[in-house]
Amino acid sequence: MTKRKRYSAEFKAKVALEAIREELTTAELAKKYGVHPTMISGWKR
């Protein structure tokens, strides 16, 4: 059984700020950073 990946507050903030800037789509950011698009949406909120 695998453990959940934990992301630091700094990483979440960096990805969320990039998402808010809207230079890349959520899907493109998800692929770039290796996280699920739904997680990025949650971090933006």
PDB file of N, CA and C in Angstrom:
ATOM      1  N   MET A   1       0.836  -1.184   0.000  1.00  0.00           N
ATOM      2  CA  MET A   1       0.000   0.000   0.000  1.00  0.00           C
ATOM      3  C   MET A   1       0.884   1.252   0.000  1.00  0.00           C
ATOM      4  N   THR A   2       0.542   2.219  -0.865  1.00  0.00           N
ATOM      5  CA  THR A   2       1.352   3.430  -0.963  1.00  0.00           C
ATOM      6  C   THR A   2       0.794   4.526  -0.062  1.00  0.00           C
ATOM      7  N   LYS A   3       1.713   5.392   0.358  1.00  0.00           N
ATOM      8  CA  LYS A   3       1.307   6.524   1.186  1.00  0.00           C
ATOM      9  C   LYS A   3       0.963   7.703   0.286  1.00  0.00           C
ATOM     10  N   ARG A   4       0.131   8.593   0.807  1.00  0.00           N
ATOM     11  CA  ARG A   4      -0.222   9.796   0.066  1.00  0.00           C
ATOM     12  C   ARG A   4       0.968  10.732  -0.027  1.00  0.00           C
ATOM     13  N   LYS A   5       1.076  11.404  -1.160  1.00  0.00           N
ATOM     14  CA  LYS A   5       2.129  12.398  -1.352  1.00  0.00           C
ATOM     15  C   LYS A   5       1.714  13.663  -0.617  1.00  0.00           C
ATOM     16  N   ARG A   6       2.639  14.204   0.175  1.00  0.00           N
ATOM     17  CA  ARG A   6       2.379  15.439   0.908  1.00  0.00           C
ATOM     18  C   ARG A   6       3.074  16.594   0.182  1.00  0.00           C
ATOM     19  N   TYR A   7       2.341  17.664  -0.054  1.00  0.00           N
ATOM     20  CA  TYR A   7       2.909  18.825  -0.735  1.00  0.00           C
ATOM     21  C   TYR A   7       3.088  19.957   0.264  1.00  0.00           C
ATOM     22  N   SER A   8       4.228  20.644   0.178  1.00  0.00           N
ATOM     23  CA  SER A   8       4.515  21.741   1.100  1.00  0.00           C
ATOM     24  C   SER A   8       3.639  22.948   0.767  1.00  0.00           C
ATOM     25  N   ALA A   9       3.473  23.807   1.744  1.00  0.00           N
ATOM     26  CA  ALA A   9       2.691  25.029   1.548  1.00  0.00           C
ATOM     27  C   ALA A   9       3.319  25.900   0.463  1.00  0.00           C
ATOM     28  N   GLU A  10       4.650  25.914   0.401  1.00  0.00           N
ATOM     29  CA  GLU A  10       5.341  26.713  -0.609  1.00  0.00           C
ATOM     30  C   GLU A  10       5.033  26.210  -2.014  1.00  0.00           C
ATOM     31  N   PHE A  11       5.041  24.871  -2.187  1.00  0.00           N
ATOM     32  CA  PHE A  11       4.751  24.276  -3.489  1.00  0.00           C
ATOM     33  C   PHE A  11       3.316  24.583  -3.897  1.00  0.00           C
ATOM     34  N   LYS A  12       2.371  24.402  -2.962  1.00  0.00           N
ATOM     35  CA  LYS A  12       0.963  24.669  -3.255  1.00  0.00           C
ATOM     36  C   LYS A  12       0.756  26.123  -3.656  1.00  0.00           C
ATOM     37  N   ALA A  13       1.394  27.035  -2.919  1.00  0.00           N
ATOM     38  CA  ALA A  13       1.256  28.462  -3.208  1.00  0.00           C
ATOM     39  C   ALA A  13       1.817  28.797  -4.586  1.00  0.00           C
ATOM     40  N   LYS A  14       2.965  28.222  -4.918  1.00  0.00           N
ATOM     41  CA  LYS A  14       3.599  28.486  -6.209  1.00  0.00           C
ATOM     42  C   LYS A  14       2.692  28.034  -7.358  1.00  0.00           C
ATOM     43  N   VAL A  15       2.141  26.828  -7.240  1.00  0.00           N
ATOM     44  CA  VAL A  15       1.278  26.289  -8.290  1.00  0.00           C
ATOM     45  C   VAL A  15      -0.018  27.092  -8.366  1.00  0.00           C
ATOM     46  N   ALA A  16      -0.617  27.413  -7.215  1.00  0.00           N
ATOM     47  CA  ALA A  16      -1.875  28.165  -7.191  1.00  0.00           C
ATOM     48  C   ALA A  16      -1.700  29.554  -7.799  1.00  0.00           C
ATOM     49  N   LEU A  17      -0.596  30.221  -7.482  1.00  0.00           N
ATOM     50  CA  LEU A  17      -0.355  31.548  -8.053  1.00  0.00           C
ATOM     51  C   LEU A  17      -0.199  31.481  -9.568  1.00  0.00           C
ATOM     52  N   GLU A  18       0.471  30.451 -10.048  1.00  0.00           N
ATOM     53  CA  GLU A  18       0.593  30.271 -11.496  1.00  0.00           C
ATOM     54  C   GLU A  18      -0.772  30.041 -12.121  1.00  0.00           C
ATOM     55  N   ALA A  19      -1.621  29.284 -11.438  1.00  0.00           N
ATOM     56  CA  ALA A  19      -2.962  29.012 -11.944  1.00  0.00           C
ATOM     57  C   ALA A  19      -3.795  30.290 -11.982  1.00  0.00           C
ATOM     58  N   ILE A  20      -3.645  31.134 -10.967  1.00  0.00           N
ATOM     59  CA  ILE A  20      -4.400  32.396 -10.909  1.00  0.00           C
ATOM     60  C   ILE A  20      -3.962  33.341 -12.029  1.00  0.00           C
ATOM     61  N   ARG A  21      -2.673  33.322 -12.363  1.00  0.00           N
ATOM     62  CA  ARG A  21      -2.160  34.173 -13.448  1.00  0.00           C
ATOM     63  C   ARG A  21      -2.731  33.764 -14.805  1.00  0.00           C
ATOM     64  N   GLU A  22      -3.141  32.508 -14.935  1.00  0.00           N
ATOM     65  CA  GLU A  22      -3.768  31.962 -16.148  1.00  0.00           C
ATOM     66  C   GLU A  22      -2.889  32.038 -17.386  1.00  0.00           C
ATOM     67  N   GLU A  23      -1.559  31.904 -17.200  1.00  0.00           N
ATOM     68  CA  GLU A  23      -0.676  31.827 -18.360  1.00  0.00           C
ATOM     69  C   GLU A  23      -0.755  30.435 -18.985  1.00  0.00           C
ATOM     70  N   LEU A  24      -0.994  29.417 -18.151  1.00  0.00           N
ATOM     71  CA  LEU A  24      -1.196  28.048 -18.614  1.00  0.00           C
ATOM     72  C   LEU A  24      -2.548  27.569 -18.085  1.00  0.00           C
ATOM     73  N   THR A  25      -3.136  26.590 -18.771  1.00  0.00           N
ATOM     74  CA  THR A  25      -4.394  26.031 -18.284  1.00  0.00           C
ATOM     75  C   THR A  25      -4.121  25.156 -17.067  1.00  0.00           C
ATOM     76  N   THR A  26      -5.186  24.849 -16.347  1.00  0.00           N
ATOM     77  CA  THR A  26      -5.052  23.975 -15.179  1.00  0.00           C
ATOM     78  C   THR A  26      -4.492  22.622 -15.599  1.00  0.00           C
ATOM     79  N   ALA A  27      -4.956  22.108 -16.726  1.00  0.00           N
ATOM     80  CA  ALA A  27      -4.473  20.812 -17.216  1.00  0.00           C
ATOM     81  C   ALA A  27      -2.981  20.857 -17.539  1.00  0.00           C
ATOM     82  N   GLU A  28      -2.523  21.948 -18.146  1.00  0.00           N
ATOM     83  CA  GLU A  28      -1.100  22.086 -18.474  1.00  0.00           C
ATOM     84  C   GLU A  28      -0.255  22.179 -17.207  1.00  0.00           C
ATOM     85  N   LEU A  29      -0.757  22.928 -16.204  1.00  0.00           N
ATOM     86  CA  LEU A  29      -0.034  23.025 -14.928  1.00  0.00           C
ATOM     87  C   LEU A  29       0.026  21.664 -14.239  1.00  0.00           C
ATOM     88  N   ALA A  30      -1.085  20.927 -14.297  1.00  0.00           N
ATOM     89  CA  ALA A  30      -1.138  19.610 -13.668  1.00  0.00           C
ATOM     90  C   ALA A  30      -0.086  18.694 -14.280  1.00  0.00           C
ATOM     91  N   LYS A  31       0.036  18.738 -15.593  1.00  0.00           N
ATOM     92  CA  LYS A  31       1.028  17.901 -16.270  1.00  0.00           C
ATOM     93  C   LYS A  31       2.451  18.364 -15.926  1.00  0.00           C
ATOM     94  N   LYS A  32       2.653  19.669 -15.883  1.00  0.00           N
ATOM     95  CA  LYS A  32       3.974  20.240 -15.586  1.00  0.00           C
ATOM     96  C   LYS A  32       4.471  19.842 -14.196  1.00  0.00           C
ATOM     97  N   TYR A  33       3.570  19.877 -13.211  1.00  0.00           N
ATOM     98  CA  TYR A  33       3.961  19.612 -11.822  1.00  0.00           C
ATOM     99  C   TYR A  33       3.623  18.205 -11.351  1.00  0.00           C
ATOM    100  N   GLY A  34       2.927  17.417 -12.165  1.00  0.00           N
ATOM    101  CA  GLY A  34       2.629  16.037 -11.800  1.00  0.00           C
ATOM    102  C   GLY A  34       1.581  15.897 -10.707  1.00  0.00           C
ATOM    103  N   VAL A  35       0.591  16.789 -10.708  1.00  0.00           N
ATOM    104  CA  VAL A  35      -0.508  16.702  -9.744  1.00  0.00           C
ATOM    105  C   VAL A  35      -1.826  16.667 -10.506  1.00  0.00           C
ATOM    106  N   HIS A  36      -2.905  16.311  -9.825  1.00  0.00           N
ATOM    107  CA  HIS A  36      -4.215  16.227 -10.461  1.00  0.00           C
ATOM    108  C   HIS A  36      -4.813  17.630 -10.588  1.00  0.00           C
ATOM    109  N   PRO A  37      -5.489  17.911 -11.713  1.00  0.00           N
ATOM    110  CA  PRO A  37      -6.093  19.232 -11.901  1.00  0.00           C
ATOM    111  C   PRO A  37      -7.055  19.634 -10.784  1.00  0.00           C
ATOM    112  N   THR A  38      -7.765  18.680 -10.209  1.00  0.00           N
ATOM    113  CA  THR A  38      -8.696  18.977  -9.123  1.00  0.00           C
ATOM    114  C   THR A  38      -7.956  19.517  -7.903  1.00  0.00           C
ATOM    115  N   MET A  39      -6.765  19.011  -7.643  1.00  0.00           N
ATOM    116  CA  MET A  39      -5.963  19.496  -6.514  1.00  0.00           C
ATOM    117  C   MET A  39      -5.594  20.967  -6.734  1.00  0.00           C
ATOM    118  N   ILE A  40      -5.229  21.304  -7.948  1.00  0.00           N
ATOM    119  CA  ILE A  40      -4.849  22.686  -8.247  1.00  0.00           C
ATOM    120  C   ILE A  40      -6.039  23.614  -8.040  1.00  0.00           C
ATOM    121  N   SER A  41      -7.217  23.180  -8.451  1.00  0.00           N
ATOM    122  CA  SER A  41      -8.429  23.987  -8.255  1.00  0.00           C
ATOM    123  C   SER A  41      -8.683  24.237  -6.774  1.00  0.00           C
ATOM    124  N   GLY A  42      -8.476  23.213  -5.968  1.00  0.00           N
ATOM    125  CA  GLY A  42      -8.648  23.345  -4.522  1.00  0.00           C
ATOM    126  C   GLY A  42      -7.635  24.300  -3.920  1.00  0.00           C
ATOM    127  N   TRP A  43      -6.409  24.236  -4.368  1.00  0.00           N
ATOM    128  CA  TRP A  43      -5.372  25.110  -3.845  1.00  0.00           C
ATOM    129  C   TRP A  43      -5.646  26.563  -4.234  1.00  0.00           C
ATOM    130  N   LYS A  44      -6.207  26.786  -5.426  1.00  0.00           N
ATOM    131  CA  LYS A  44      -6.553  28.142  -5.843  1.00  0.00           C
ATOM    132  C   LYS A  44      -7.600  28.733  -4.904  1.00  0.00           C
ATOM    133  N   ARG A  45      -8.578  27.912  -4.522  1.00  0.00           N
ATOM    134  CA  ARG A  45      -9.646  28.371  -3.639  1.00  0.00           C
ATOM    135  C   ARG A  45      -9.080  28.736  -2.292  1.00  0.00           C
TER     136      ARG A  45
END
